[in-house]
Amino acid sequence: MTTSYQNQSLLGPKEALSSKRARIREICRISGVVGRSIAVVDHGEIVSQDTIGYRNLAEREPVTSDTIFHITSLTKSFTGACVDILRGQGKLSFDDPVQKHLRRVKTRDPATTANATIANLLGHRTGLQNPIGIWLGAHGKIKATGLPYHIFLQENILDPLGMTCTVVDKSTRFLDDMSSAYGVTDNGLPSNVPLPEISAKSAMGPASSLMSTANDLVIYCKALMRSWHAQNGEHVETGETGANEAVFSDVKWLFASLQIMETPTAREKRLCCWMV
């Protein structure tokens, strides 16, 4: 689990998070979490990193910061970034009708079929089930580039950022440090369940197929943050900035609000494949 932390207390971020470590571990225990790898980034620096539990409970194999987990819906954020890269290359526009790129896509509502745009898909505004909408948004890249989604992702995001442990399907070279999947039974005890068999090469891949590590997601988080600050005219230390901006050429759009969610308690917003 990787997150960006904004310090809102009198304590520094490291101290504030350190004081919550025991509570985090207790929450994991009572909710049946078998293993977690946690990293927190503040102003571009790792301020807290911790591992909890096991990647394989039966064998008592501990989680490390390089343990690979399925990141499920976080995959959607990579899909949105891929679409933004295509926009920057002039191969599509967020306001393009889906029909311009995928003529065979149809919904039950003729008006939706005729008028739905790529931005509508990525912002979950079409009424389609979320993963299907994301698949449609990504599937258009195959036509726009001649490359399958998983290859476009690898060449344009994972390789440039050096995310060497983020994989699009099960890879034998990472099996030794891949977490098993667990669910919680009625008695509150964890139970091993089969790992999802979703590959980035499949139709549902752009919605929920990626696997990654806490260390790799720190790279991703820092790249987004550095690009955001650079594009807002804020000072950013030299080094990785150029590579980050080359990947996230218009990071502002990735965090633009596309839909206000009807959840007053959470006050969530749907961004480009993000929900915050």
Protein backbone atom coordinates (compact mmCIF):
# COMPACT_ATOMS: atom_id res chain seq x y z
CA MET A 1 0.00 0.00 0.00
CA THR A 2 1.45 3.37 -1.01
CA THR A 3 0.04 6.77 -0.19
CA SER A 4 0.96 10.44 -0.20
CA TYR A 5 0.77 12.05 3.24
CA GLN A 6 0.15 15.74 3.92
CA ASN A 7 1.32 16.75 7.40
CA GLN A 8 -1.53 18.41 9.29
CA SER A 9 -0.30 17.99 12.86
CA LEU A 10 2.31 19.63 15.03
CA LEU A 11 4.39 16.48 14.75
CA GLY A 12 6.62 15.93 11.75
CA PRO A 13 5.37 13.30 9.30
CA LYS A 14 7.85 10.67 10.44
CA GLU A 15 6.94 11.12 14.10
CA ALA A 16 3.20 11.29 13.40
CA LEU A 17 3.27 8.06 11.41
CA SER A 18 5.54 6.31 13.88
CA SER A 19 3.04 7.04 16.64
CA LYS A 20 0.31 5.32 14.58
CA ARG A 21 2.29 2.18 13.72
CA ALA A 22 0.87 0.08 16.54
CA ARG A 23 -2.68 1.13 15.60
CA ILE A 24 -2.10 0.22 11.95
CA ARG A 25 -0.87 -3.21 12.97
CA GLU A 26 -3.89 -3.69 15.23
CA ILE A 27 -6.27 -2.73 12.41
CA CYS A 28 -4.58 -5.30 10.18
CA ARG A 29 -4.91 -7.94 12.88
CA ILE A 30 -8.62 -7.46 13.61
CA SER A 31 -9.50 -7.21 9.90
CA GLY A 32 -7.72 -10.44 9.02
CA VAL A 33 -4.94 -8.92 6.92
CA VAL A 34 -2.24 -11.54 6.44
CA GLY A 35 0.46 -9.28 5.03
CA ARG A 36 0.99 -5.68 3.98
CA SER A 37 3.85 -3.57 2.65
CA ILE A 38 3.34 0.12 3.43
CA ALA A 39 5.22 3.16 2.16
CA VAL A 40 4.32 6.81 2.76
CA VAL A 41 5.75 9.63 0.65
CA ASP A 42 5.76 13.26 1.82
CA HIS A 43 7.12 16.06 -0.41
CA GLY A 44 8.92 13.53 -2.58
CA GLU A 45 10.62 11.65 0.25
CA ILE A 46 9.80 8.35 1.93
CA VAL A 47 8.87 9.24 5.50
CA SER A 48 7.62 5.84 6.59
CA GLN A 49 8.06 2.31 5.32
CA ASP A 50 6.90 -0.81 7.09
CA THR A 51 6.03 -4.42 6.39
CA ILE A 52 3.44 -6.44 8.26
CA GLY A 53 2.83 -10.17 8.32
CA TYR A 54 3.40 -12.81 5.69
CA ARG A 55 3.25 -13.18 1.92
CA ASN A 56 2.69 -16.91 2.50
CA LEU A 57 0.99 -17.70 5.79
CA ALA A 58 1.41 -21.47 5.64
CA GLU A 59 5.16 -21.22 5.08
CA ARG A 60 5.57 -18.18 7.37
CA GLU A 61 7.36 -16.28 4.61
CA PRO A 62 7.47 -12.58 5.58
CA VAL A 63 6.40 -9.67 3.42
CA THR A 64 9.21 -7.40 2.20
CA SER A 65 9.16 -4.04 0.43
CA ASP A 66 9.84 -6.01 -2.78
CA THR A 67 6.96 -8.45 -2.32
CA ILE A 68 4.64 -8.36 -5.34
CA PHE A 69 0.93 -7.81 -4.73
CA HIS A 70 -1.98 -7.52 -7.15
CA ILE A 71 -2.75 -3.78 -7.20
CA THR A 72 -6.18 -4.34 -8.83
CA SER A 73 -7.96 -1.03 -9.51
CA LEU A 74 -4.80 1.05 -9.20
CA THR A 75 -4.15 -0.38 -12.68
CA LYS A 76 -6.76 2.12 -13.93
CA SER A 77 -4.48 5.04 -13.08
CA PHE A 78 -1.80 3.62 -15.37
CA THR A 79 -4.42 3.24 -18.09
CA GLY A 80 -5.39 6.90 -17.73
CA ALA A 81 -1.74 7.91 -17.99
CA CYS A 82 -1.39 5.86 -21.18
CA VAL A 83 -4.36 7.63 -22.74
CA ASP A 84 -2.87 10.98 -21.73
CA ILE A 85 0.38 10.05 -23.49
CA LEU A 86 -1.58 9.38 -26.67
CA ARG A 87 -3.28 12.74 -26.31
CA GLY A 88 0.12 14.40 -26.02
CA GLN A 89 1.21 12.63 -29.20
CA GLY A 90 -1.82 14.01 -31.04
CA LYS A 91 -3.27 10.56 -31.69
CA LEU A 92 -6.54 11.26 -29.90
CA SER A 93 -8.39 13.88 -27.90
CA PHE A 94 -10.18 13.43 -24.61
CA ASP A 95 -13.22 14.95 -26.31
CA ASP A 96 -13.15 12.47 -29.19
CA PRO A 97 -16.35 10.42 -29.46
CA VAL A 98 -15.64 6.79 -28.66
CA GLN A 99 -17.23 5.93 -32.01
CA LYS A 100 -14.38 7.71 -33.77
CA HIS A 101 -11.95 5.05 -32.56
CA LEU A 102 -14.21 2.07 -31.82
CA ARG A 103 -17.09 1.92 -34.27
CA ARG A 104 -18.37 -1.41 -32.95
CA VAL A 105 -18.91 -0.15 -29.40
CA LYS A 106 -22.61 0.21 -28.71
CA THR A 107 -24.75 0.69 -25.60
CA ARG A 108 -28.47 0.25 -25.00
CA ASP A 109 -28.90 4.01 -25.26
CA PRO A 110 -28.33 5.32 -28.81
CA ALA A 111 -27.57 8.81 -27.47
CA THR A 112 -24.82 7.44 -25.22
CA THR A 113 -23.41 5.42 -28.10
CA ALA A 114 -23.31 8.47 -30.35
CA ASN A 115 -22.02 11.02 -27.86
CA ALA A 116 -19.86 9.25 -25.27
CA THR A 117 -16.31 10.56 -25.29
CA ILE A 118 -13.01 9.13 -24.13
CA ALA A 119 -13.15 11.47 -21.12
CA ASN A 120 -16.61 10.10 -20.31
CA LEU A 121 -15.19 6.58 -20.21
CA LEU A 122 -12.18 7.45 -18.07
CA GLY A 123 -14.33 9.51 -15.71
CA HIS A 124 -16.95 6.73 -15.37
CA ARG A 125 -19.72 8.92 -16.79
CA THR A 126 -21.26 6.55 -19.34
CA GLY A 127 -23.26 4.27 -17.07
CA LEU A 128 -21.18 1.30 -18.20
CA GLN A 129 -19.80 -0.98 -15.54
CA ASN A 130 -16.48 0.52 -14.46
CA PRO A 131 -14.05 -2.13 -15.71
CA ILE A 132 -15.78 -2.27 -19.09
CA GLY A 133 -15.52 1.50 -19.46
CA ILE A 134 -11.83 1.41 -18.64
CA TRP A 135 -11.28 -1.45 -21.08
CA LEU A 136 -12.90 0.54 -23.85
CA GLY A 137 -10.72 3.55 -23.04
CA ALA A 138 -7.60 1.41 -23.28
CA HIS A 139 -8.66 -0.78 -26.19
CA GLY A 140 -8.67 2.30 -28.41
CA LYS A 141 -4.91 2.52 -28.01
CA ILE A 142 -4.45 -0.67 -29.97
CA LYS A 143 -5.93 1.02 -33.01
CA ALA A 144 -4.26 4.37 -32.33
CA THR A 145 -0.74 2.94 -31.93
CA GLY A 146 -0.72 -0.54 -33.40
CA LEU A 147 0.51 -1.78 -30.00
CA PRO A 148 -1.34 -3.96 -27.48
CA TYR A 149 -2.05 -2.24 -24.17
CA HIS A 150 0.53 -4.17 -22.13
CA ILE A 151 3.36 -3.36 -24.56
CA PHE A 152 2.41 0.33 -24.77
CA LEU A 153 2.35 0.48 -20.97
CA GLN A 154 5.73 -1.22 -20.66
CA GLU A 155 7.49 0.95 -23.23
CA ASN A 156 5.97 4.30 -22.24
CA ILE A 157 5.62 4.16 -18.45
CA LEU A 158 7.19 1.17 -16.71
CA ASP A 159 10.53 1.13 -18.54
CA PRO A 160 11.13 4.93 -18.54
CA LEU A 161 10.42 5.13 -14.79
CA GLY A 162 12.49 2.05 -13.99
CA MET A 163 9.57 0.14 -12.47
CA THR A 164 11.30 -3.20 -12.97
CA CYS A 165 9.14 -5.17 -10.52
CA THR A 166 5.76 -4.11 -11.90
CA VAL A 167 4.47 -6.91 -14.10
CA VAL A 168 1.51 -7.40 -16.41
CA ASP A 169 1.07 -11.10 -15.65
CA LYS A 170 2.57 -13.80 -13.47
CA SER A 171 6.29 -13.97 -14.13
CA THR A 172 8.35 -16.95 -13.03
CA ARG A 173 11.28 -14.71 -12.09
CA PHE A 174 9.15 -13.08 -9.36
CA LEU A 175 7.28 -16.11 -8.01
CA ASP A 176 9.58 -16.44 -4.98
CA ASP A 177 8.47 -13.06 -3.61
CA MET A 178 4.84 -12.91 -4.76
CA SER A 179 2.13 -12.67 -2.14
CA SER A 180 -0.57 -15.29 -1.97
CA ALA A 181 -4.15 -14.02 -1.86
CA TYR A 182 -6.32 -14.34 1.23
CA GLY A 183 -9.93 -13.75 2.17
CA VAL A 184 -11.52 -13.60 5.61
CA THR A 185 -13.98 -16.33 6.64
CA ASP A 186 -17.04 -15.86 8.86
CA ASN A 187 -14.98 -16.64 11.94
CA GLY A 188 -12.57 -13.82 11.10
CA LEU A 189 -9.70 -16.11 10.15
CA PRO A 190 -7.76 -15.68 6.88
CA SER A 191 -8.21 -18.27 4.17
CA ASN A 192 -6.05 -18.74 1.09
CA VAL A 193 -7.93 -18.06 -2.16
CA PRO A 194 -6.81 -18.45 -5.78
CA LEU A 195 -4.94 -15.50 -7.24
CA PRO A 196 -6.87 -13.57 -9.90
CA GLU A 197 -6.17 -14.83 -13.39
CA ILE A 198 -6.40 -11.42 -15.09
CA SER A 199 -3.61 -10.56 -17.49
CA ALA A 200 -2.88 -7.11 -18.92
CA LYS A 201 -3.01 -8.88 -22.27
CA SER A 202 -6.70 -9.66 -21.76
CA ALA A 203 -9.76 -7.49 -22.37
CA MET A 204 -10.08 -6.71 -18.66
CA GLY A 205 -6.36 -6.11 -18.25
CA PRO A 206 -6.40 -2.29 -18.29
CA ALA A 207 -8.85 -2.28 -15.37
CA SER A 208 -7.24 -4.50 -12.76
CA SER A 209 -4.39 -6.72 -13.92
CA LEU A 210 -1.14 -5.16 -12.73
CA MET A 211 1.07 -6.52 -9.97
CA SER A 212 3.64 -4.37 -8.21
CA THR A 213 5.69 -3.75 -5.08
CA ALA A 214 5.73 -0.98 -2.49
CA ASN A 215 9.15 0.11 -3.77
CA ASP A 216 7.94 0.38 -7.36
CA LEU A 217 4.80 2.25 -6.35
CA VAL A 218 6.98 4.73 -4.47
CA ILE A 219 8.72 5.42 -7.80
CA TYR A 220 5.30 5.93 -9.42
CA CYS A 221 4.04 8.19 -6.63
CA LYS A 222 7.19 10.34 -6.60
CA ALA A 223 7.13 10.68 -10.40
CA LEU A 224 3.55 11.94 -10.31
CA MET A 225 4.29 14.35 -7.48
CA ARG A 226 7.45 15.74 -9.09
CA SER A 227 5.67 16.23 -12.41
CA TRP A 228 2.78 17.98 -10.64
CA HIS A 229 5.10 20.41 -8.86
CA ALA A 230 7.15 21.06 -12.01
CA GLN A 231 4.06 21.76 -14.12
CA ASN A 232 2.76 24.15 -11.45
CA GLY A 233 5.96 26.17 -11.64
CA GLU A 234 7.23 25.01 -8.26
CA HIS A 235 10.88 24.31 -7.57
CA VAL A 236 11.87 20.71 -8.17
CA GLU A 237 15.35 19.32 -7.64
CA THR A 238 17.09 18.27 -10.84
CA GLY A 239 17.65 14.61 -11.58
CA GLU A 240 14.57 12.56 -12.34
CA THR A 241 12.36 15.50 -13.30
CA GLY A 242 12.99 15.31 -17.04
CA ALA A 243 12.16 11.61 -17.22
CA ASN A 244 9.05 12.11 -15.09
CA GLU A 245 7.75 14.95 -17.24
CA ALA A 246 8.42 12.94 -20.39
CA VAL A 247 6.11 10.24 -19.02
CA PHE A 248 3.47 12.48 -17.41
CA SER A 249 3.38 15.34 -19.90
CA ASP A 250 0.06 16.71 -18.62
CA VAL A 251 -0.27 15.44 -15.09
CA LYS A 252 -2.71 18.24 -14.24
CA TRP A 253 -5.32 16.58 -16.43
CA LEU A 254 -4.84 13.24 -14.68
CA PHE A 255 -6.05 14.87 -11.45
CA ALA A 256 -8.78 17.06 -12.93
CA SER A 257 -12.22 16.35 -11.50
CA LEU A 258 -14.41 14.54 -14.04
CA GLN A 259 -17.27 13.52 -11.76
CA ILE A 260 -18.45 14.38 -8.24
CA MET A 261 -19.46 11.19 -6.46
CA GLU A 262 -22.77 11.09 -4.61
CA THR A 263 -21.18 10.11 -1.31
CA PRO A 264 -21.48 13.11 1.04
CA THR A 265 -19.64 11.40 3.88
CA ALA A 266 -16.60 10.68 1.73
CA ARG A 267 -16.99 13.64 -0.66
CA GLU A 268 -15.21 11.62 -3.32
CA LYS A 269 -14.35 12.81 -6.81
CA ARG A 270 -13.75 10.69 -9.87
CA LEU A 271 -10.62 11.82 -11.69
CA CYS A 272 -8.96 10.25 -14.74
CA CYS A 273 -9.19 6.66 -13.52
CA TRP A 274 -8.66 7.81 -9.92
CA MET A 275 -11.21 8.22 -7.13
CA VAL A 276 -10.20 10.60 -4.34
